[in-house]
Amino acid sequence: MTSVPPRFPPYPIRGVRVLHQKQNCAPHFAEIAVDFEPAAGGFVFEVAQGLTVEYEPAEDLPRFFAAAAAGIEEQLSLPEHGIVIATRVVLRRARAHTFGSHELAFKIAGYLAARKALERTRVPRL
């Protein structure tokens, strides 16, 4: 008999905040706050209505947000977590700096946010 892996998240996980900052010759800066909500299935990422981020050029922001979403989804998809992804993630807050913010920084921030959310649920790992 095989057991069905648990669905993630089992309940709403709100206010997962990550500051990813690395200072060296290739700096990184990304700060995000996200909520994880149970969903019917799959992975959905949304930017909260009215979210504003002081950053120029503003046209870079959608790429940064997409990178954060990719990082979250990649982390949740790792087989060692042994979960079924059924989540809606809402980006509630974001900060970026002209020097150090880029897609990789936001992808890492997304990865870290997913790990924090997983830790909050105490989902057993295989």
N, C-alpha and C. Protein backbone atom coordinates (compact mmCIF):
# COMPACT_ATOMS: atom_id res chain seq x y z
N MET A 1 0.84 -1.17 0.00
CA MET A 1 0.00 0.00 0.00
C MET A 1 0.89 1.24 0.00
N THR A 2 0.64 2.15 -0.93
CA THR A 2 1.42 3.37 -1.00
C THR A 2 0.64 4.51 -0.38
N SER A 3 1.32 5.34 0.35
CA SER A 3 0.66 6.48 0.97
C SER A 3 0.73 7.68 0.02
N VAL A 4 -0.28 8.49 0.10
CA VAL A 4 -0.36 9.69 -0.72
C VAL A 4 0.47 10.77 -0.06
N PRO A 5 1.38 11.42 -0.82
CA PRO A 5 2.18 12.49 -0.21
C PRO A 5 1.29 13.64 0.27
N PRO A 6 1.69 14.34 1.31
CA PRO A 6 0.89 15.46 1.80
C PRO A 6 0.85 16.61 0.79
N ARG A 7 -0.25 17.33 0.81
CA ARG A 7 -0.40 18.51 -0.05
C ARG A 7 0.27 19.70 0.65
N PHE A 8 0.85 20.55 -0.15
CA PHE A 8 1.49 21.74 0.41
C PHE A 8 0.88 22.98 -0.21
N PRO A 9 0.51 23.94 0.63
CA PRO A 9 0.57 23.95 2.09
C PRO A 9 -0.69 23.32 2.68
N PRO A 10 -0.57 22.75 3.85
CA PRO A 10 -1.75 22.16 4.49
C PRO A 10 -2.70 23.22 5.05
N TYR A 11 -2.21 24.43 5.23
CA TYR A 11 -2.98 25.55 5.76
C TYR A 11 -2.28 26.83 5.31
N PRO A 12 -2.95 27.99 5.40
CA PRO A 12 -2.31 29.24 4.97
C PRO A 12 -1.05 29.53 5.79
N ILE A 13 -0.03 29.97 5.10
CA ILE A 13 1.23 30.38 5.73
C ILE A 13 1.46 31.81 5.27
N ARG A 14 1.29 32.72 6.17
CA ARG A 14 1.34 34.14 5.80
C ARG A 14 2.61 34.81 6.33
N GLY A 15 3.03 35.83 5.58
CA GLY A 15 4.14 36.66 6.04
C GLY A 15 5.50 36.00 6.00
N VAL A 16 5.76 35.19 5.00
CA VAL A 16 7.08 34.59 4.86
C VAL A 16 7.99 35.65 4.25
N ARG A 17 8.93 36.14 5.04
CA ARG A 17 9.79 37.25 4.63
C ARG A 17 11.22 36.75 4.46
N VAL A 18 11.83 37.17 3.36
CA VAL A 18 13.22 36.80 3.08
C VAL A 18 13.98 38.04 2.62
N LEU A 19 15.14 38.23 3.20
CA LEU A 19 16.08 39.24 2.73
C LEU A 19 17.31 38.48 2.26
N HIS A 20 17.54 38.51 0.97
CA HIS A 20 18.73 37.86 0.41
C HIS A 20 19.70 38.98 0.02
N GLN A 21 20.82 39.03 0.71
CA GLN A 21 21.78 40.09 0.49
C GLN A 21 23.18 39.50 0.56
N LYS A 22 23.93 39.77 -0.48
CA LYS A 22 25.31 39.29 -0.53
C LYS A 22 26.15 40.44 -1.08
N GLN A 23 27.18 40.80 -0.33
CA GLN A 23 28.02 41.92 -0.77
C GLN A 23 29.40 41.39 -1.12
N ASN A 24 29.72 41.50 -2.37
CA ASN A 24 31.05 41.17 -2.89
C ASN A 24 31.17 41.80 -4.27
N CYS A 25 32.04 41.29 -5.10
CA CYS A 25 32.22 41.90 -6.42
C CYS A 25 30.99 41.69 -7.32
N ALA A 26 30.13 40.73 -6.99
CA ALA A 26 28.88 40.51 -7.71
C ALA A 26 27.74 40.52 -6.69
N PRO A 27 27.32 41.72 -6.26
CA PRO A 27 26.36 41.80 -5.15
C PRO A 27 24.97 41.26 -5.52
N HIS A 28 24.25 40.82 -4.49
CA HIS A 28 22.87 40.38 -4.62
C HIS A 28 22.04 41.17 -3.62
N PHE A 29 20.84 41.56 -4.04
CA PHE A 29 19.89 42.15 -3.10
C PHE A 29 18.47 41.85 -3.59
N ALA A 30 17.70 41.21 -2.74
CA ALA A 30 16.28 40.97 -3.01
C ALA A 30 15.60 40.78 -1.67
N GLU A 31 14.49 41.46 -1.49
CA GLU A 31 13.68 41.27 -0.30
C GLU A 31 12.25 41.03 -0.75
N ILE A 32 11.65 39.94 -0.25
CA ILE A 32 10.27 39.63 -0.59
C ILE A 32 9.52 39.18 0.65
N ALA A 33 8.22 39.36 0.62
CA ALA A 33 7.32 38.80 1.62
C ALA A 33 6.18 38.16 0.85
N VAL A 34 5.92 36.90 1.12
CA VAL A 34 4.91 36.16 0.38
C VAL A 34 3.99 35.41 1.33
N ASP A 35 2.79 35.14 0.84
CA ASP A 35 1.82 34.30 1.53
C ASP A 35 1.63 33.04 0.70
N PHE A 36 1.53 31.91 1.37
CA PHE A 36 1.23 30.64 0.73
C PHE A 36 -0.18 30.24 1.12
N GLU A 37 -1.04 30.01 0.15
CA GLU A 37 -2.42 29.62 0.40
C GLU A 37 -2.68 28.25 -0.23
N PRO A 38 -3.46 27.39 0.43
CA PRO A 38 -3.83 26.13 -0.21
C PRO A 38 -4.63 26.40 -1.49
N ALA A 39 -4.42 25.57 -2.48
CA ALA A 39 -5.14 25.69 -3.75
C ALA A 39 -5.62 24.31 -4.17
N ALA A 40 -6.44 24.28 -5.20
CA ALA A 40 -6.98 23.01 -5.70
C ALA A 40 -5.86 22.09 -6.19
N GLY A 41 -4.84 22.68 -6.78
CA GLY A 41 -3.72 21.88 -7.27
C GLY A 41 -2.77 22.76 -8.05
N GLY A 42 -1.55 22.31 -8.20
CA GLY A 42 -0.57 23.04 -8.98
C GLY A 42 0.03 24.23 -8.26
N PHE A 43 0.65 25.08 -9.06
CA PHE A 43 1.36 26.25 -8.51
C PHE A 43 0.87 27.49 -9.23
N VAL A 44 0.43 28.47 -8.45
CA VAL A 44 -0.01 29.76 -8.99
C VAL A 44 0.73 30.84 -8.23
N PHE A 45 1.26 31.83 -8.96
CA PHE A 45 1.96 32.94 -8.35
C PHE A 45 1.27 34.23 -8.77
N GLU A 46 0.99 35.08 -7.80
CA GLU A 46 0.33 36.36 -8.08
C GLU A 46 1.07 37.48 -7.36
N VAL A 47 1.01 38.65 -7.95
CA VAL A 47 1.52 39.85 -7.31
C VAL A 47 0.31 40.57 -6.72
N ALA A 48 0.38 40.92 -5.46
CA ALA A 48 -0.74 41.58 -4.78
C ALA A 48 -1.13 42.85 -5.53
N GLN A 49 -2.41 43.04 -5.63
CA GLN A 49 -2.92 44.23 -6.29
C GLN A 49 -2.45 45.47 -5.53
N GLY A 50 -1.95 46.44 -6.26
CA GLY A 50 -1.49 47.68 -5.65
C GLY A 50 -0.08 47.64 -5.11
N LEU A 51 0.64 46.52 -5.29
CA LEU A 51 2.02 46.44 -4.82
C LEU A 51 2.87 47.46 -5.57
N THR A 52 3.58 48.30 -4.84
CA THR A 52 4.49 49.25 -5.46
C THR A 52 5.89 49.01 -4.92
N VAL A 53 6.85 49.14 -5.79
CA VAL A 53 8.25 48.96 -5.43
C VAL A 53 9.01 50.14 -6.00
N GLU A 54 9.76 50.83 -5.15
CA GLU A 54 10.57 51.95 -5.62
C GLU A 54 11.84 51.39 -6.23
N TYR A 55 11.86 51.34 -7.55
CA TYR A 55 13.01 50.79 -8.27
C TYR A 55 12.98 51.32 -9.69
N GLU A 56 14.12 51.68 -10.18
CA GLU A 56 14.25 52.11 -11.57
C GLU A 56 15.33 51.28 -12.24
N PRO A 57 15.10 50.75 -13.41
CA PRO A 57 13.91 50.91 -14.24
C PRO A 57 12.80 49.95 -13.82
N ALA A 58 11.60 50.48 -13.68
CA ALA A 58 10.45 49.71 -13.21
C ALA A 58 10.11 48.55 -14.13
N GLU A 59 10.48 48.64 -15.38
CA GLU A 59 10.17 47.54 -16.31
C GLU A 59 10.96 46.26 -16.00
N ASP A 60 11.96 46.34 -15.12
CA ASP A 60 12.69 45.14 -14.69
C ASP A 60 11.90 44.33 -13.66
N LEU A 61 11.01 44.97 -12.94
CA LEU A 61 10.32 44.32 -11.83
C LEU A 61 9.56 43.05 -12.22
N PRO A 62 8.81 43.03 -13.33
CA PRO A 62 8.12 41.77 -13.68
C PRO A 62 9.09 40.60 -13.85
N ARG A 63 10.28 40.84 -14.37
CA ARG A 63 11.28 39.77 -14.51
C ARG A 63 11.77 39.32 -13.14
N PHE A 64 11.97 40.26 -12.22
CA PHE A 64 12.39 39.92 -10.86
C PHE A 64 11.31 39.06 -10.18
N PHE A 65 10.05 39.47 -10.33
CA PHE A 65 8.95 38.73 -9.70
C PHE A 65 8.83 37.33 -10.29
N ALA A 66 8.99 37.22 -11.60
CA ALA A 66 8.93 35.91 -12.26
C ALA A 66 10.08 35.02 -11.77
N ALA A 67 11.23 35.60 -11.53
CA ALA A 67 12.37 34.84 -11.01
C ALA A 67 12.09 34.34 -9.60
N ALA A 68 11.47 35.18 -8.77
CA ALA A 68 11.10 34.74 -7.41
C ALA A 68 10.11 33.58 -7.49
N ALA A 69 9.14 33.69 -8.39
CA ALA A 69 8.16 32.61 -8.57
C ALA A 69 8.85 31.32 -9.00
N ALA A 70 9.81 31.43 -9.92
CA ALA A 70 10.54 30.25 -10.39
C ALA A 70 11.32 29.61 -9.25
N GLY A 71 11.94 30.42 -8.41
CA GLY A 71 12.69 29.89 -7.28
C GLY A 71 11.79 29.16 -6.30
N ILE A 72 10.61 29.72 -6.03
CA ILE A 72 9.67 29.08 -5.11
C ILE A 72 9.22 27.74 -5.69
N GLU A 73 8.82 27.76 -6.95
CA GLU A 73 8.31 26.53 -7.57
C GLU A 73 9.39 25.46 -7.66
N GLU A 74 10.61 25.84 -8.00
CA GLU A 74 11.70 24.87 -8.09
C GLU A 74 11.98 24.23 -6.73
N GLN A 75 12.00 25.03 -5.67
CA GLN A 75 12.26 24.47 -4.34
C GLN A 75 11.14 23.52 -3.93
N LEU A 76 9.90 23.91 -4.14
CA LEU A 76 8.78 23.05 -3.75
C LEU A 76 8.75 21.76 -4.56
N SER A 77 9.29 21.79 -5.78
CA SER A 77 9.26 20.63 -6.67
C SER A 77 10.34 19.60 -6.39
N LEU A 78 11.27 19.92 -5.50
CA LEU A 78 12.35 18.97 -5.22
C LEU A 78 11.76 17.68 -4.64
N PRO A 79 12.17 16.53 -5.18
CA PRO A 79 11.58 15.27 -4.74
C PRO A 79 11.80 14.96 -3.26
N GLU A 80 12.87 15.47 -2.68
CA GLU A 80 13.13 15.15 -1.27
C GLU A 80 12.08 15.71 -0.31
N HIS A 81 11.28 16.68 -0.77
CA HIS A 81 10.24 17.22 0.11
C HIS A 81 9.04 16.26 0.20
N GLY A 82 8.86 15.44 -0.82
CA GLY A 82 7.78 14.46 -0.79
C GLY A 82 6.40 15.06 -0.64
N ILE A 83 6.13 16.15 -1.35
CA ILE A 83 4.83 16.83 -1.25
C ILE A 83 4.17 16.91 -2.61
N VAL A 84 2.87 17.15 -2.57
CA VAL A 84 2.11 17.49 -3.77
C VAL A 84 1.89 18.99 -3.71
N ILE A 85 2.33 19.69 -4.73
CA ILE A 85 2.19 21.15 -4.73
C ILE A 85 0.74 21.51 -5.06
N ALA A 86 0.13 22.23 -4.18
CA ALA A 86 -1.23 22.74 -4.35
C ALA A 86 -1.27 24.10 -3.67
N THR A 87 -0.61 25.07 -4.30
CA THR A 87 -0.43 26.35 -3.61
C THR A 87 -0.65 27.55 -4.52
N ARG A 88 -1.15 28.58 -3.91
CA ARG A 88 -1.26 29.90 -4.52
C ARG A 88 -0.35 30.78 -3.69
N VAL A 89 0.65 31.36 -4.33
CA VAL A 89 1.61 32.23 -3.64
C VAL A 89 1.31 33.67 -4.04
N VAL A 90 1.20 34.54 -3.05
CA VAL A 90 0.93 35.95 -3.31
C VAL A 90 2.11 36.77 -2.81
N LEU A 91 2.71 37.51 -3.72
CA LEU A 91 3.80 38.42 -3.38
C LEU A 91 3.18 39.67 -2.76
N ARG A 92 3.44 39.89 -1.49
CA ARG A 92 2.84 41.02 -0.76
C ARG A 92 3.77 42.23 -0.67
N ARG A 93 5.07 41.98 -0.68
CA ARG A 93 6.04 43.07 -0.52
C ARG A 93 7.31 42.70 -1.25
N ALA A 94 7.97 43.70 -1.81
CA ALA A 94 9.25 43.47 -2.46
C ALA A 94 10.08 44.74 -2.37
N ARG A 95 11.38 44.54 -2.24
CA ARG A 95 12.33 45.65 -2.29
C ARG A 95 13.46 45.26 -3.21
N ALA A 96 13.94 46.25 -3.95
CA ALA A 96 15.05 46.03 -4.87
C ALA A 96 15.96 47.25 -4.80
N HIS A 97 17.24 47.03 -5.06
CA HIS A 97 18.21 48.12 -5.12
C HIS A 97 18.81 48.17 -6.51
N THR A 98 19.10 49.37 -6.96
CA THR A 98 19.69 49.54 -8.28
C THR A 98 20.99 48.76 -8.39
N PHE A 99 21.75 48.73 -7.31
CA PHE A 99 23.02 48.02 -7.31
C PHE A 99 22.85 46.72 -6.55
N GLY A 100 22.72 45.61 -7.26
CA GLY A 100 22.65 44.32 -6.60
C GLY A 100 21.37 43.53 -6.86
N SER A 101 20.32 44.19 -7.33
CA SER A 101 19.10 43.46 -7.61
C SER A 101 19.11 42.98 -9.06
N HIS A 102 18.82 41.72 -9.22
CA HIS A 102 18.76 41.11 -10.54
C HIS A 102 17.95 39.82 -10.41
N GLU A 103 17.73 39.16 -11.53
CA GLU A 103 16.88 37.98 -11.53
C GLU A 103 17.41 36.87 -10.61
N LEU A 104 18.71 36.62 -10.63
CA LEU A 104 19.26 35.56 -9.79
C LEU A 104 19.02 35.85 -8.31
N ALA A 105 19.19 37.10 -7.89
CA ALA A 105 18.96 37.44 -6.49
C ALA A 105 17.51 37.15 -6.09
N PHE A 106 16.56 37.46 -6.96
CA PHE A 106 15.16 37.21 -6.65
C PHE A 106 14.83 35.72 -6.72
N LYS A 107 15.48 35.00 -7.61
CA LYS A 107 15.26 33.55 -7.67
C LYS A 107 15.72 32.89 -6.38
N ILE A 108 16.88 33.30 -5.88
CA ILE A 108 17.39 32.76 -4.62
C ILE A 108 16.46 33.14 -3.47
N ALA A 109 15.96 34.38 -3.47
CA ALA A 109 15.01 34.79 -2.43
C ALA A 109 13.75 33.93 -2.47
N GLY A 110 13.28 33.60 -3.66
CA GLY A 110 12.12 32.72 -3.79
C GLY A 110 12.41 31.33 -3.26
N TYR A 111 13.58 30.83 -3.57
CA TYR A 111 14.01 29.52 -3.09
C TYR A 111 14.00 29.49 -1.55
N LEU A 112 14.57 30.55 -0.96
CA LEU A 112 14.64 30.64 0.50
C LEU A 112 13.26 30.78 1.13
N ALA A 113 12.36 31.52 0.47
CA ALA A 113 11.00 31.69 0.99
C ALA A 113 10.27 30.35 1.02
N ALA A 114 10.44 29.55 -0.03
CA ALA A 114 9.79 28.24 -0.06
C ALA A 114 10.33 27.35 1.06
N ARG A 115 11.63 27.40 1.28
CA ARG A 115 12.23 26.59 2.35
C ARG A 115 11.67 27.01 3.72
N LYS A 116 11.54 28.32 3.94
CA LYS A 116 10.97 28.80 5.21
C LYS A 116 9.54 28.31 5.39
N ALA A 117 8.76 28.37 4.31
CA ALA A 117 7.37 27.93 4.40
C ALA A 117 7.30 26.43 4.69
N LEU A 118 8.15 25.66 4.05
CA LEU A 118 8.19 24.22 4.31
C LEU A 118 8.54 23.95 5.77
N GLU A 119 9.49 24.69 6.31
CA GLU A 119 9.88 24.51 7.71
C GLU A 119 8.72 24.82 8.65
N ARG A 120 7.92 25.80 8.29
CA ARG A 120 6.78 26.17 9.15
C ARG A 120 5.72 25.09 9.21
N THR A 121 5.64 24.27 8.19
CA THR A 121 4.61 23.22 8.17
C THR A 121 5.11 21.92 8.77
N ARG A 122 6.41 21.83 8.97
CA ARG A 122 7.00 20.59 9.50
C ARG A 122 6.63 19.39 8.64
N VAL A 123 6.60 19.62 7.32
CA VAL A 123 6.32 18.53 6.39
C VAL A 123 7.45 17.52 6.48
N PRO A 124 7.14 16.26 6.73
CA PRO A 124 8.22 15.27 6.82
C PRO A 124 8.97 15.15 5.50
N ARG A 125 10.27 15.11 5.58
CA ARG A 125 11.09 14.98 4.38
C ARG A 125 11.55 13.55 4.25
N LEU A 126 11.63 13.12 3.02
CA LEU A 126 12.04 11.74 2.75
C LEU A 126 13.53 11.58 2.87
